[in-house]
Amino acid sequence: MATIKDIAERLGVAVSTVSKGLNGAPDISEELRRQVLDTAVEMGYRTKKMRKEEHKKLVVFVENMDYERPEDFGYDLILGFRQMAYRDNWAVNVVSVGPKLQTHEKYDTYMLMHGYSGAFAMGFALKDNWMSQIAKTDIPTALLDNYVPLNQNVGYVGTDSDEGIERAIKKLYDLGHRRIAFLNGSPNSWVSDQRQAAYEAGIRNVGLKLDHDLTAYGYYVADSARFHVPAMLEAGATAILCGNDLIASGVYDVCSHLKLKIPRDISVVGFDDLPIASELKPGLSTIRQDRLELGKCAYFTLNSLINNVSISKTMLRPQFIERGSVGEVKTK
């Protein structure tokens, strides 16, 4: 492991200068501080605080995800993570991340600067600056619904989209539906691509022909439904499978505007089982992710990585929750 002296020799500066850079002293320029931190990361340096039991700190990075209220998708994820971390005496900080932070701070440098021993990252898009850096990091990192190959320091945590979507399609097929549409979440998302592949496989598995007029990428918000549902209905959809429950709630709104009854005229299935799913009228059938358990698994994965147990993927089984939004196909 690199020492402060090693870093000083690499940069050609005094040991005291490196110490100031690592500890955020005010009498050193911002440019030199960043140079010290970046070099420390490159050389694999870890601060004494990161190595001491009484300074054990983890961080949950959150981007493009609500998490502060019990009904928010990220709330139970963070709660489950914190519950497990607390048992092992880890302090956990939650940090909202946006493009500005990712532009001005390098991932490894940020982790070193704040003394974090590992991170759980939620809601990141494939094109984000930090994702390309996480692909090469040597700092233990658990990713929700994102996968980085060939890096033993990074692990994936998620729910088995293949199994969940196959169950939903099989249920709709058994109810007579042969025109099953899929309104997916955001493009440039690893999990969206996985769910698209799961949908296409599920359609083939029940013997149906894939029709691209019945599929679309939107965004993981209700408003995306109004841009795609009319075209799906025009293409003959009798059921719409959605990338999450918020999209499904938007499908409800579009159907109400068009005077269509659920499930008499169109069946709707969501993904996640957020509280809103049981509040909609009729109740939304959905593919349940146990978010509390996902948060616990994220900690298990991260703690394993910290202890040099290289976990690639941790995947939970989904459940199909049937409510009133699915029914037999309407006969003409």
C-alpha atoms as a PDB file:
ATOM      1  CA  MET A   1       0.000   0.000   0.000  1.00  0.00           C
ATOM      2  CA  ALA A   2       1.284   3.440  -0.941  1.00  0.00           C
ATOM      3  CA  THR A   3       2.381   5.855   1.786  1.00  0.00           C
ATOM      4  CA  ILE A   4       2.334   9.657   2.012  1.00  0.00           C
ATOM      5  CA  LYS A   5       6.069   9.611   1.341  1.00  0.00           C
ATOM      6  CA  ASP A   6       5.495   7.614  -1.869  1.00  0.00           C
ATOM      7  CA  ILE A   7       2.969  10.178  -3.068  1.00  0.00           C
ATOM      8  CA  ALA A   8       5.328  13.050  -2.202  1.00  0.00           C
ATOM      9  CA  GLU A   9       8.133  11.438  -4.190  1.00  0.00           C
ATOM     10  CA  ARG A  10       5.851  10.885  -7.187  1.00  0.00           C
ATOM     11  CA  LEU A  11       4.778  14.537  -7.196  1.00  0.00           C
ATOM     12  CA  GLY A  12       8.124  15.999  -6.177  1.00  0.00           C
ATOM     13  CA  VAL A  13       6.647  17.865  -3.206  1.00  0.00           C
ATOM     14  CA  ALA A  14       7.119  17.788   0.571  1.00  0.00           C
ATOM     15  CA  VAL A  15       5.435  15.142   2.713  1.00  0.00           C
ATOM     16  CA  SER A  16       3.738  17.963   4.620  1.00  0.00           C
ATOM     17  CA  THR A  17       2.206  19.224   1.361  1.00  0.00           C
ATOM     18  CA  VAL A  18       0.723  15.790   0.635  1.00  0.00           C
ATOM     19  CA  SER A  19      -0.631  15.606   4.184  1.00  0.00           C
ATOM     20  CA  LYS A  20      -2.307  18.984   3.739  1.00  0.00           C
ATOM     21  CA  GLY A  21      -3.838  17.891   0.455  1.00  0.00           C
ATOM     22  CA  LEU A  22      -5.223  14.676   1.941  1.00  0.00           C
ATOM     23  CA  ASN A  23      -6.659  16.424   4.985  1.00  0.00           C
ATOM     24  CA  GLY A  24      -8.174  19.467   3.286  1.00  0.00           C
ATOM     25  CA  ALA A  25      -5.901  22.095   4.846  1.00  0.00           C
ATOM     26  CA  PRO A  26      -6.812  25.660   3.803  1.00  0.00           C
ATOM     27  CA  ASP A  27      -3.230  26.768   3.003  1.00  0.00           C
ATOM     28  CA  ILE A  28      -2.920  24.730  -0.189  1.00  0.00           C
ATOM     29  CA  SER A  29      -4.310  25.560  -3.627  1.00  0.00           C
ATOM     30  CA  GLU A  30      -7.322  23.720  -4.969  1.00  0.00           C
ATOM     31  CA  GLU A  31      -5.335  22.619  -8.004  1.00  0.00           C
ATOM     32  CA  LEU A  32      -2.579  21.070  -5.886  1.00  0.00           C
ATOM     33  CA  ARG A  33      -5.125  19.454  -3.549  1.00  0.00           C
ATOM     34  CA  ARG A  34      -6.783  17.724  -6.470  1.00  0.00           C
ATOM     35  CA  GLN A  35      -3.401  16.658  -7.847  1.00  0.00           C
ATOM     36  CA  VAL A  36      -2.526  15.089  -4.488  1.00  0.00           C
ATOM     37  CA  LEU A  37      -5.861  13.306  -4.223  1.00  0.00           C
ATOM     38  CA  ASP A  38      -5.792  12.043  -7.811  1.00  0.00           C
ATOM     39  CA  THR A  39      -2.254  10.720  -7.352  1.00  0.00           C
ATOM     40  CA  ALA A  40      -3.202   9.088  -4.053  1.00  0.00           C
ATOM     41  CA  VAL A  41      -6.073   7.291  -5.783  1.00  0.00           C
ATOM     42  CA  GLU A  42      -3.841   6.217  -8.652  1.00  0.00           C
ATOM     43  CA  MET A  43      -1.315   4.739  -6.216  1.00  0.00           C
ATOM     44  CA  GLY A  44      -3.954   2.949  -4.122  1.00  0.00           C
ATOM     45  CA  TYR A  45      -3.506   5.032  -0.971  1.00  0.00           C
ATOM     46  CA  ARG A  46      -6.038   4.726   1.848  1.00  0.00           C
ATOM     47  CA  THR A  47      -6.289   7.253   4.644  1.00  0.00           C
ATOM     48  CA  LYS A  48      -5.836   6.193   8.272  1.00  0.00           C
ATOM     49  CA  LYS A  49      -9.485   7.058   8.927  1.00  0.00           C
ATOM     50  CA  MET A  50     -10.612   4.604   6.252  1.00  0.00           C
ATOM     51  CA  ARG A  51      -8.585   1.890   7.978  1.00  0.00           C
ATOM     52  CA  LYS A  52      -9.706   2.588  11.551  1.00  0.00           C
ATOM     53  CA  GLU A  53     -12.692   0.777  13.058  1.00  0.00           C
ATOM     54  CA  GLU A  54     -14.093   3.934  14.660  1.00  0.00           C
ATOM     55  CA  HIS A  55     -14.194   5.741  11.318  1.00  0.00           C
ATOM     56  CA  LYS A  56     -15.990   3.110   9.248  1.00  0.00           C
ATOM     57  CA  LYS A  57     -18.029   5.020   6.668  1.00  0.00           C
ATOM     58  CA  LEU A  58     -20.080   3.935   3.671  1.00  0.00           C
ATOM     59  CA  VAL A  59     -22.014   6.078   1.231  1.00  0.00           C
ATOM     60  CA  VAL A  60     -25.202   5.621  -0.758  1.00  0.00           C
ATOM     61  CA  PHE A  61     -25.148   7.654  -3.974  1.00  0.00           C
ATOM     62  CA  VAL A  62     -28.569   8.439  -5.426  1.00  0.00           C
ATOM     63  CA  GLU A  63     -29.278   9.847  -8.870  1.00  0.00           C
ATOM     64  CA  ASN A  64     -32.593  10.200 -10.724  1.00  0.00           C
ATOM     65  CA  MET A  65     -34.526   8.524  -7.918  1.00  0.00           C
ATOM     66  CA  ASP A  66     -36.843   9.692  -5.137  1.00  0.00           C
ATOM     67  CA  TYR A  67     -36.001   8.265  -1.742  1.00  0.00           C
ATOM     68  CA  GLU A  68     -37.091  10.562   1.104  1.00  0.00           C
ATOM     69  CA  ARG A  69     -40.705   9.377   1.616  1.00  0.00           C
ATOM     70  CA  PRO A  70     -41.952   5.835   2.396  1.00  0.00           C
ATOM     71  CA  GLU A  71     -43.804   5.731  -0.928  1.00  0.00           C
ATOM     72  CA  ASP A  72     -40.647   6.556  -2.900  1.00  0.00           C
ATOM     73  CA  PHE A  73     -38.836   3.756  -4.730  1.00  0.00           C
ATOM     74  CA  GLY A  74     -35.511   4.411  -3.046  1.00  0.00           C
ATOM     75  CA  TYR A  75     -36.787   4.720   0.537  1.00  0.00           C
ATOM     76  CA  ASP A  76     -36.849   1.008   1.440  1.00  0.00           C
ATOM     77  CA  LEU A  77     -33.631   0.371  -0.469  1.00  0.00           C
ATOM     78  CA  ILE A  78     -31.749   2.804   1.759  1.00  0.00           C
ATOM     79  CA  LEU A  79     -33.570   1.589   4.872  1.00  0.00           C
ATOM     80  CA  GLY A  80     -32.605  -2.041   4.232  1.00  0.00           C
ATOM     81  CA  PHE A  81     -29.010  -1.065   3.502  1.00  0.00           C
ATOM     82  CA  ARG A  82     -28.772   0.997   6.693  1.00  0.00           C
ATOM     83  CA  GLN A  83     -30.334  -1.725   8.831  1.00  0.00           C
ATOM     84  CA  MET A  84     -27.660  -4.200   7.789  1.00  0.00           C
ATOM     85  CA  ALA A  85     -24.776  -1.713   7.959  1.00  0.00           C
ATOM     86  CA  TYR A  86     -25.757  -0.625  11.464  1.00  0.00           C
ATOM     87  CA  ARG A  87     -25.288  -4.175  12.763  1.00  0.00           C
ATOM     88  CA  ASP A  88     -21.648  -4.044  11.659  1.00  0.00           C
ATOM     89  CA  ASN A  89     -21.055  -0.557  13.090  1.00  0.00           C
ATOM     90  CA  TRP A  90     -20.853   1.234   9.745  1.00  0.00           C
ATOM     91  CA  ALA A  91     -21.914   4.859   9.476  1.00  0.00           C
ATOM     92  CA  VAL A  92     -23.888   5.488   6.271  1.00  0.00           C
ATOM     93  CA  ASN A  93     -24.195   8.814   4.452  1.00  0.00           C
ATOM     94  CA  VAL A  94     -26.687   9.405   1.651  1.00  0.00           C
ATOM     95  CA  VAL A  95     -25.508  11.738  -1.120  1.00  0.00           C
ATOM     96  CA  SER A  96     -27.633  12.987  -4.024  1.00  0.00           C
ATOM     97  CA  VAL A  97     -25.563  12.997  -7.190  1.00  0.00           C
ATOM     98  CA  GLY A  98     -26.080  15.029 -10.334  1.00  0.00           C
ATOM     99  CA  PRO A  99     -24.096  15.867 -13.473  1.00  0.00           C
ATOM    100  CA  LYS A 100     -22.368  18.828 -11.790  1.00  0.00           C
ATOM    101  CA  LEU A 101     -20.745  16.720  -9.072  1.00  0.00           C
ATOM    102  CA  GLN A 102     -19.721  14.033 -11.564  1.00  0.00           C
ATOM    103  CA  THR A 103     -18.136  16.665 -13.800  1.00  0.00           C
ATOM    104  CA  HIS A 104     -16.154  18.394 -11.069  1.00  0.00           C
ATOM    105  CA  GLU A 105     -15.142  15.399  -8.938  1.00  0.00           C
ATOM    106  CA  LYS A 106     -13.655  12.078  -9.978  1.00  0.00           C
ATOM    107  CA  TYR A 107     -15.331   9.074  -8.363  1.00  0.00           C
ATOM    108  CA  ASP A 108     -12.262   7.593  -6.667  1.00  0.00           C
ATOM    109  CA  THR A 109     -11.049  11.022  -5.588  1.00  0.00           C
ATOM    110  CA  TYR A 110     -14.410  11.837  -3.997  1.00  0.00           C
ATOM    111  CA  MET A 111     -14.392   8.527  -2.110  1.00  0.00           C
ATOM    112  CA  LEU A 112     -10.857   9.085  -0.826  1.00  0.00           C
ATOM    113  CA  MET A 113     -11.470  12.716   0.081  1.00  0.00           C
ATOM    114  CA  HIS A 114     -14.459  11.822   2.266  1.00  0.00           C
ATOM    115  CA  GLY A 115     -12.984   8.673   3.766  1.00  0.00           C
ATOM    116  CA  TYR A 116     -15.588   6.242   2.399  1.00  0.00           C
ATOM    117  CA  SER A 117     -14.620   2.573   2.339  1.00  0.00           C
ATOM    118  CA  GLY A 118     -17.345   1.585  -0.147  1.00  0.00           C
ATOM    119  CA  ALA A 119     -20.428   2.797  -1.981  1.00  0.00           C
ATOM    120  CA  PHE A 120     -23.909   1.673  -3.026  1.00  0.00           C
ATOM    121  CA  ALA A 121     -24.921   3.526  -6.206  1.00  0.00           C
ATOM    122  CA  MET A 122     -28.600   3.775  -7.185  1.00  0.00           C
ATOM    123  CA  GLY A 123     -30.275   5.305 -10.236  1.00  0.00           C
ATOM    124  CA  PHE A 124     -27.226   5.880 -12.433  1.00  0.00           C
ATOM    125  CA  ALA A 125     -27.465   5.895 -16.233  1.00  0.00           C
ATOM    126  CA  LEU A 126     -24.932   4.132 -18.418  1.00  0.00           C
ATOM    127  CA  LYS A 127     -23.761   7.431 -19.938  1.00  0.00           C
ATOM    128  CA  ASP A 128     -23.001   9.093 -16.583  1.00  0.00           C
ATOM    129  CA  ASN A 129     -19.411  10.222 -16.041  1.00  0.00           C
ATOM    130  CA  TRP A 130     -18.999   8.200 -12.894  1.00  0.00           C
ATOM    131  CA  MET A 131     -20.158   4.947 -14.514  1.00  0.00           C
ATOM    132  CA  SER A 132     -17.119   4.866 -16.802  1.00  0.00           C
ATOM    133  CA  GLN A 133     -14.914   5.559 -13.775  1.00  0.00           C
ATOM    134  CA  ILE A 134     -16.638   2.918 -11.631  1.00  0.00           C
ATOM    135  CA  ALA A 135     -15.859   0.413 -14.364  1.00  0.00           C
ATOM    136  CA  LYS A 136     -12.179   0.860 -13.489  1.00  0.00           C
ATOM    137  CA  THR A 137     -12.337   1.595  -9.752  1.00  0.00           C
ATOM    138  CA  ASP A 138     -10.546  -0.420  -7.110  1.00  0.00           C
ATOM    139  CA  ILE A 139     -12.923   0.860  -4.405  1.00  0.00           C
ATOM    140  CA  PRO A 140     -15.676  -1.631  -3.433  1.00  0.00           C
ATOM    141  CA  THR A 141     -18.908  -0.552  -5.099  1.00  0.00           C
ATOM    142  CA  ALA A 142     -22.364  -2.124  -5.312  1.00  0.00           C
ATOM    143  CA  LEU A 143     -24.590  -1.021  -8.207  1.00  0.00           C
ATOM    144  CA  LEU A 144     -28.377  -1.189  -8.297  1.00  0.00           C
ATOM    145  CA  ASP A 145     -29.617  -2.350 -11.707  1.00  0.00           C
ATOM    146  CA  ASN A 146     -26.272  -1.696 -13.355  1.00  0.00           C
ATOM    147  CA  TYR A 147     -23.582  -4.175 -14.266  1.00  0.00           C
ATOM    148  CA  VAL A 148     -19.855  -3.653 -14.795  1.00  0.00           C
ATOM    149  CA  PRO A 149     -17.994  -6.624 -16.289  1.00  0.00           C
ATOM    150  CA  LEU A 150     -14.401  -7.590 -15.556  1.00  0.00           C
ATOM    151  CA  ASN A 151     -14.008  -5.592 -12.352  1.00  0.00           C
ATOM    152  CA  GLN A 152     -13.720  -7.687  -9.213  1.00  0.00           C
ATOM    153  CA  ASN A 153     -14.376  -4.615  -7.038  1.00  0.00           C
ATOM    154  CA  VAL A 154     -17.881  -3.938  -8.385  1.00  0.00           C
ATOM    155  CA  GLY A 155     -21.045  -6.003  -7.935  1.00  0.00           C
ATOM    156  CA  TYR A 156     -24.593  -5.888  -9.323  1.00  0.00           C
ATOM    157  CA  VAL A 157     -27.748  -6.014  -7.195  1.00  0.00           C
ATOM    158  CA  GLY A 158     -31.213  -6.352  -8.694  1.00  0.00           C
ATOM    159  CA  THR A 159     -34.353  -8.376  -9.303  1.00  0.00           C
ATOM    160  CA  ASP A 160     -34.620 -11.102 -11.936  1.00  0.00           C
ATOM    161  CA  SER A 161     -36.383  -9.252 -14.768  1.00  0.00           C
ATOM    162  CA  ASP A 162     -36.476 -12.373 -16.941  1.00  0.00           C
ATOM    163  CA  GLU A 163     -38.512 -14.354 -14.442  1.00  0.00           C
ATOM    164  CA  GLY A 164     -40.815 -11.496 -13.478  1.00  0.00           C
ATOM    165  CA  ILE A 165     -41.680 -10.443 -17.006  1.00  0.00           C
ATOM    166  CA  GLU A 166     -42.074 -14.034 -18.190  1.00  0.00           C
ATOM    167  CA  ARG A 167     -44.607 -14.641 -15.409  1.00  0.00           C
ATOM    168  CA  ALA A 168     -46.574 -11.533 -16.370  1.00  0.00           C
ATOM    169  CA  ILE A 169     -46.641 -12.403 -20.073  1.00  0.00           C
ATOM    170  CA  LYS A 170     -47.662 -16.002 -19.325  1.00  0.00           C
ATOM    171  CA  LYS A 171     -50.541 -14.727 -17.162  1.00  0.00           C
ATOM    172  CA  LEU A 172     -51.754 -12.388 -19.897  1.00  0.00           C
ATOM    173  CA  TYR A 173     -51.392 -15.107 -22.532  1.00  0.00           C
ATOM    174  CA  ASP A 174     -53.489 -17.501 -20.439  1.00  0.00           C
ATOM    175  CA  LEU A 175     -56.186 -14.805 -20.301  1.00  0.00           C
ATOM    176  CA  GLY A 176     -56.310 -14.793 -24.101  1.00  0.00           C
ATOM    177  CA  HIS A 177     -54.105 -11.806 -24.875  1.00  0.00           C
ATOM    178  CA  ARG A 178     -52.115 -12.064 -28.076  1.00  0.00           C
ATOM    179  CA  ARG A 179     -51.254  -8.377 -28.563  1.00  0.00           C
ATOM    180  CA  ILE A 180     -49.184  -7.642 -25.465  1.00  0.00           C
ATOM    181  CA  ALA A 181     -47.388  -4.296 -25.567  1.00  0.00           C
ATOM    182  CA  PHE A 182     -44.381  -3.213 -23.510  1.00  0.00           C
ATOM    183  CA  LEU A 183     -43.859   0.412 -22.470  1.00  0.00           C
ATOM    184  CA  ASN A 184     -40.309   0.393 -21.121  1.00  0.00           C
ATOM    185  CA  GLY A 185     -38.402   2.876 -18.980  1.00  0.00           C
ATOM    186  CA  SER A 186     -35.540   5.156 -19.910  1.00  0.00           C
ATOM    187  CA  PRO A 187     -33.122   4.498 -22.767  1.00  0.00           C
ATOM    188  CA  ASN A 188     -29.411   4.429 -21.901  1.00  0.00           C
ATOM    189  CA  SER A 189     -30.297   2.295 -18.887  1.00  0.00           C
ATOM    190  CA  TRP A 190     -28.858  -1.158 -18.311  1.00  0.00           C
ATOM    191  CA  VAL A 191     -31.976  -2.406 -16.521  1.00  0.00           C
ATOM    192  CA  SER A 192     -34.254  -1.047 -19.283  1.00  0.00           C
ATOM    193  CA  ASP A 193     -32.252  -3.008 -21.839  1.00  0.00           C
ATOM    194  CA  GLN A 194     -32.488  -6.123 -19.656  1.00  0.00           C
ATOM    195  CA  ARG A 195     -36.268  -5.768 -19.370  1.00  0.00           C
ATOM    196  CA  GLN A 196     -36.586  -5.237 -23.109  1.00  0.00           C
ATOM    197  CA  ALA A 197     -34.676  -8.469 -23.704  1.00  0.00           C
ATOM    198  CA  ALA A 198     -36.836 -10.218 -21.084  1.00  0.00           C
ATOM    199  CA  TYR A 199     -40.006  -9.018 -22.814  1.00  0.00           C
ATOM    200  CA  GLU A 200     -38.837 -10.212 -26.224  1.00  0.00           C
ATOM    201  CA  ALA A 201     -37.875 -13.609 -24.798  1.00  0.00           C
ATOM    202  CA  GLY A 202     -41.200 -13.891 -22.973  1.00  0.00           C
ATOM    203  CA  ILE A 203     -43.154 -13.127 -26.139  1.00  0.00           C
ATOM    204  CA  ARG A 204     -41.248 -15.796 -28.040  1.00  0.00           C
ATOM    205  CA  ASN A 205     -41.654 -18.319 -25.220  1.00  0.00           C
ATOM    206  CA  VAL A 206     -45.448 -18.236 -25.503  1.00  0.00           C
ATOM    207  CA  GLY A 207     -45.250 -18.611 -29.276  1.00  0.00           C
ATOM    208  CA  LEU A 208     -46.110 -15.051 -30.273  1.00  0.00           C
ATOM    209  CA  LYS A 209     -44.431 -12.994 -32.961  1.00  0.00           C
ATOM    210  CA  LEU A 210     -42.542  -9.919 -31.823  1.00  0.00           C
ATOM    211  CA  ASP A 211     -44.113  -6.694 -33.151  1.00  0.00           C
ATOM    212  CA  HIS A 212     -41.991  -3.586 -32.683  1.00  0.00           C
ATOM    213  CA  ASP A 213     -45.102  -1.406 -33.006  1.00  0.00           C
ATOM    214  CA  LEU A 214     -46.021  -2.732 -29.569  1.00  0.00           C
ATOM    215  CA  THR A 215     -42.801  -1.702 -27.818  1.00  0.00           C
ATOM    216  CA  ALA A 216     -41.336   1.655 -26.880  1.00  0.00           C
ATOM    217  CA  TYR A 217     -38.787   3.218 -24.544  1.00  0.00           C
ATOM    218  CA  GLY A 218     -40.178   6.075 -22.500  1.00  0.00           C
ATOM    219  CA  TYR A 219     -39.001   7.269 -19.101  1.00  0.00           C
ATOM    220  CA  TYR A 220     -39.720   5.992 -15.605  1.00  0.00           C
ATOM    221  CA  VAL A 221     -42.417   8.621 -15.034  1.00  0.00           C
ATOM    222  CA  ALA A 222     -46.189   8.618 -15.511  1.00  0.00           C
ATOM    223  CA  ASP A 223     -46.159  11.328 -18.191  1.00  0.00           C
ATOM    224  CA  SER A 224     -44.294   9.111 -20.671  1.00  0.00           C
ATOM    225  CA  ALA A 225     -47.477   7.059 -21.194  1.00  0.00           C
ATOM    226  CA  ARG A 226     -49.314   9.766 -23.103  1.00  0.00           C
ATOM    227  CA  PHE A 227     -46.639   9.789 -25.795  1.00  0.00           C
ATOM    228  CA  HIS A 228     -46.805   6.051 -26.548  1.00  0.00           C
ATOM    229  CA  VAL A 229     -50.081   4.458 -25.414  1.00  0.00           C
ATOM    230  CA  PRO A 230     -52.285   5.807 -28.242  1.00  0.00           C
ATOM    231  CA  ALA A 231     -49.974   4.267 -30.869  1.00  0.00           C
ATOM    232  CA  MET A 232     -49.938   0.949 -29.011  1.00  0.00           C
ATOM    233  CA  LEU A 233     -53.724   0.902 -28.900  1.00  0.00           C
ATOM    234  CA  GLU A 234     -53.823   1.764 -32.606  1.00  0.00           C
ATOM    235  CA  ALA A 235     -51.528  -1.222 -33.216  1.00  0.00           C
ATOM    236  CA  GLY A 236     -54.079  -3.481 -31.534  1.00  0.00           C
ATOM    237  CA  ALA A 237     -52.696  -3.859 -28.010  1.00  0.00           C
ATOM    238  CA  THR A 238     -55.065  -5.607 -25.615  1.00  0.00           C
ATOM    239  CA  ALA A 239     -52.628  -5.495 -22.706  1.00  0.00           C
ATOM    240  CA  ILE A 240     -49.779  -3.170 -21.752  1.00  0.00           C
ATOM    241  CA  LEU A 241     -46.865  -4.291 -19.605  1.00  0.00           C
ATOM    242  CA  CYS A 242     -45.014  -1.312 -18.090  1.00  0.00           C
ATOM    243  CA  GLY A 243     -41.416  -0.751 -16.991  1.00  0.00           C
ATOM    244  CA  ASN A 244     -42.578   0.449 -13.574  1.00  0.00           C
ATOM    245  CA  ASP A 245     -45.729   1.315 -11.629  1.00  0.00           C
ATOM    246  CA  LEU A 246     -45.435   5.059 -12.314  1.00  0.00           C
ATOM    247  CA  ILE A 247     -45.596   4.421 -16.061  1.00  0.00           C
ATOM    248  CA  ALA A 248     -48.597   2.154 -15.435  1.00  0.00           C
ATOM    249  CA  SER A 249     -50.344   4.949 -13.526  1.00  0.00           C
ATOM    250  CA  GLY A 250     -49.857   7.103 -16.601  1.00  0.00           C
ATOM    251  CA  VAL A 251     -51.463   4.379 -18.719  1.00  0.00           C
ATOM    252  CA  TYR A 252     -54.472   4.578 -16.383  1.00  0.00           C
ATOM    253  CA  ASP A 253     -54.685   8.331 -17.027  1.00  0.00           C
ATOM    254  CA  VAL A 254     -54.541   7.898 -20.812  1.00  0.00           C
ATOM    255  CA  CYS A 255     -57.187   5.177 -20.733  1.00  0.00           C
ATOM    256  CA  SER A 256     -59.457   7.347 -18.594  1.00  0.00           C
ATOM    257  CA  HIS A 257     -59.063  10.196 -21.080  1.00  0.00           C
ATOM    258  CA  LEU A 258     -59.954   7.829 -23.952  1.00  0.00           C
ATOM    259  CA  LYS A 259     -62.972   6.431 -22.035  1.00  0.00           C
ATOM    260  CA  LEU A 260     -61.428   2.968 -21.886  1.00  0.00           C
ATOM    261  CA  LYS A 261     -62.153   0.726 -18.914  1.00  0.00           C
ATOM    262  CA  ILE A 262     -59.438  -1.328 -17.186  1.00  0.00           C
ATOM    263  CA  PRO A 263     -59.434  -4.333 -17.529  1.00  0.00           C
ATOM    264  CA  ARG A 264     -62.529  -4.595 -19.741  1.00  0.00           C
ATOM    265  CA  ASP A 265     -60.940  -2.776 -22.673  1.00  0.00           C
ATOM    266  CA  ILE A 266     -57.242  -3.041 -21.818  1.00  0.00           C
ATOM    267  CA  SER A 267     -55.235  -4.944 -19.205  1.00  0.00           C
ATOM    268  CA  VAL A 268     -52.318  -3.216 -17.481  1.00  0.00           C
ATOM    269  CA  VAL A 269     -49.351  -4.626 -15.557  1.00  0.00           C
ATOM    270  CA  GLY A 270     -46.680  -2.637 -13.700  1.00  0.00           C
ATOM    271  CA  PHE A 271     -43.288  -3.385 -12.190  1.00  0.00           C
ATOM    272  CA  ASP A 272     -42.064  -2.703  -8.602  1.00  0.00           C
ATOM    273  CA  ASP A 273     -45.241  -2.846  -6.436  1.00  0.00           C
ATOM    274  CA  LEU A 274     -44.957   0.675  -5.088  1.00  0.00           C
ATOM    275  CA  PRO A 275     -47.707   1.783  -2.653  1.00  0.00           C
ATOM    276  CA  ILE A 276     -49.454   3.493  -5.577  1.00  0.00           C
ATOM    277  CA  ALA A 277     -50.114   0.070  -7.150  1.00  0.00           C
ATOM    278  CA  SER A 278     -52.696  -0.889  -4.525  1.00  0.00           C
ATOM    279  CA  GLU A 279     -54.162   2.631  -4.426  1.00  0.00           C
ATOM    280  CA  LEU A 280     -55.077   2.789  -8.121  1.00  0.00           C
ATOM    281  CA  LYS A 281     -58.636   1.888  -9.124  1.00  0.00           C
ATOM    282  CA  PRO A 282     -58.742  -0.923 -10.044  1.00  0.00           C
ATOM    283  CA  GLY A 283     -55.675  -2.115  -8.139  1.00  0.00           C
ATOM    284  CA  LEU A 284     -52.642  -2.545 -10.376  1.00  0.00           C
ATOM    285  CA  SER A 285     -51.316  -6.026 -11.059  1.00  0.00           C
ATOM    286  CA  THR A 286     -47.546  -5.770 -10.903  1.00  0.00           C
ATOM    287  CA  ILE A 287     -44.197  -7.530 -10.646  1.00  0.00           C
ATOM    288  CA  ARG A 288     -43.034  -7.013  -7.079  1.00  0.00           C
ATOM    289  CA  GLN A 289     -39.467  -6.137  -6.159  1.00  0.00           C
ATOM    290  CA  ASP A 290     -38.785  -6.484  -2.436  1.00  0.00           C
ATOM    291  CA  ARG A 291     -36.908  -3.228  -2.078  1.00  0.00           C
ATOM    292  CA  LEU A 292     -36.097  -3.667   1.613  1.00  0.00           C
ATOM    293  CA  GLU A 293     -34.440  -7.006   0.842  1.00  0.00           C
ATOM    294  CA  LEU A 294     -32.676  -5.472  -2.158  1.00  0.00           C
ATOM    295  CA  GLY A 295     -31.143  -2.867   0.154  1.00  0.00           C
ATOM    296  CA  LYS A 296     -29.998  -5.612   2.515  1.00  0.00           C
ATOM    297  CA  CYS A 297     -28.501  -7.551  -0.396  1.00  0.00           C
ATOM    298  CA  ALA A 298     -26.691  -4.412  -1.533  1.00  0.00           C
ATOM    299  CA  TYR A 299     -24.997  -4.231   1.856  1.00  0.00           C
ATOM    300  CA  PHE A 300     -24.194  -7.953   1.748  1.00  0.00           C
ATOM    301  CA  THR A 301     -22.618  -7.509  -1.679  1.00  0.00           C
ATOM    302  CA  LEU A 302     -20.657  -4.413  -0.684  1.00  0.00           C
ATOM    303  CA  ASN A 303     -19.448  -5.909   2.598  1.00  0.00           C
ATOM    304  CA  SER A 304     -18.281  -8.996   0.719  1.00  0.00           C
ATOM    305  CA  LEU A 305     -16.354  -6.843  -1.757  1.00  0.00           C
ATOM    306  CA  ILE A 306     -14.755  -4.913   1.103  1.00  0.00           C
ATOM    307  CA  ASN A 307     -13.601  -8.237   2.540  1.00  0.00           C
ATOM    308  CA  ASN A 308     -12.129  -9.356  -0.801  1.00  0.00           C
ATOM    309  CA  VAL A 309     -14.981 -11.707  -1.721  1.00  0.00           C
ATOM    310  CA  SER A 310     -15.627 -10.767  -5.334  1.00  0.00           C
ATOM    311  CA  ILE A 311     -19.370 -11.002  -6.023  1.00  0.00           C
ATOM    312  CA  SER A 312     -20.516 -10.419  -9.587  1.00  0.00           C
ATOM    313  CA  LYS A 313     -24.325 -10.457  -9.301  1.00  0.00           C
ATOM    314  CA  THR A 314     -26.867 -10.717  -6.495  1.00  0.00           C
ATOM    315  CA  MET A 315     -30.346 -11.268  -7.908  1.00  0.00           C
ATOM    316  CA  LEU A 316     -33.655 -11.603  -6.050  1.00  0.00           C
ATOM    317  CA  ARG A 317     -36.702 -13.484  -7.293  1.00  0.00           C
ATOM    318  CA  PRO A 318     -39.736 -11.345  -8.145  1.00  0.00           C
ATOM    319  CA  GLN A 319     -43.385 -12.059  -7.369  1.00  0.00           C
ATOM    320  CA  PHE A 320     -46.374 -11.511  -9.633  1.00  0.00           C
ATOM    321  CA  ILE A 321     -49.033  -9.664  -7.643  1.00  0.00           C
ATOM    322  CA  GLU A 322     -52.448  -9.996  -9.268  1.00  0.00           C
ATOM    323  CA  ARG A 323     -55.020  -7.277  -8.647  1.00  0.00           C
ATOM    324  CA  GLY A 324     -57.913  -5.959 -10.676  1.00  0.00           C
ATOM    325  CA  SER A 325     -56.091  -4.523 -13.683  1.00  0.00           C
ATOM    326  CA  VAL A 326     -55.857  -7.763 -15.674  1.00  0.00           C
ATOM    327  CA  GLY A 327     -58.730  -9.710 -17.190  1.00  0.00           C
ATOM    328  CA  GLU A 328     -59.695 -11.887 -20.093  1.00  0.00           C
ATOM    329  CA  VAL A 329     -59.213 -10.377 -23.505  1.00  0.00           C
ATOM    330  CA  LYS A 330     -62.246  -8.522 -24.821  1.00  0.00           C
ATOM    331  CA  THR A 331     -64.003 -10.450 -27.582  1.00  0.00           C
ATOM    332  CA  LYS A 332     -65.259  -8.523 -30.550  1.00  0.00           C
END
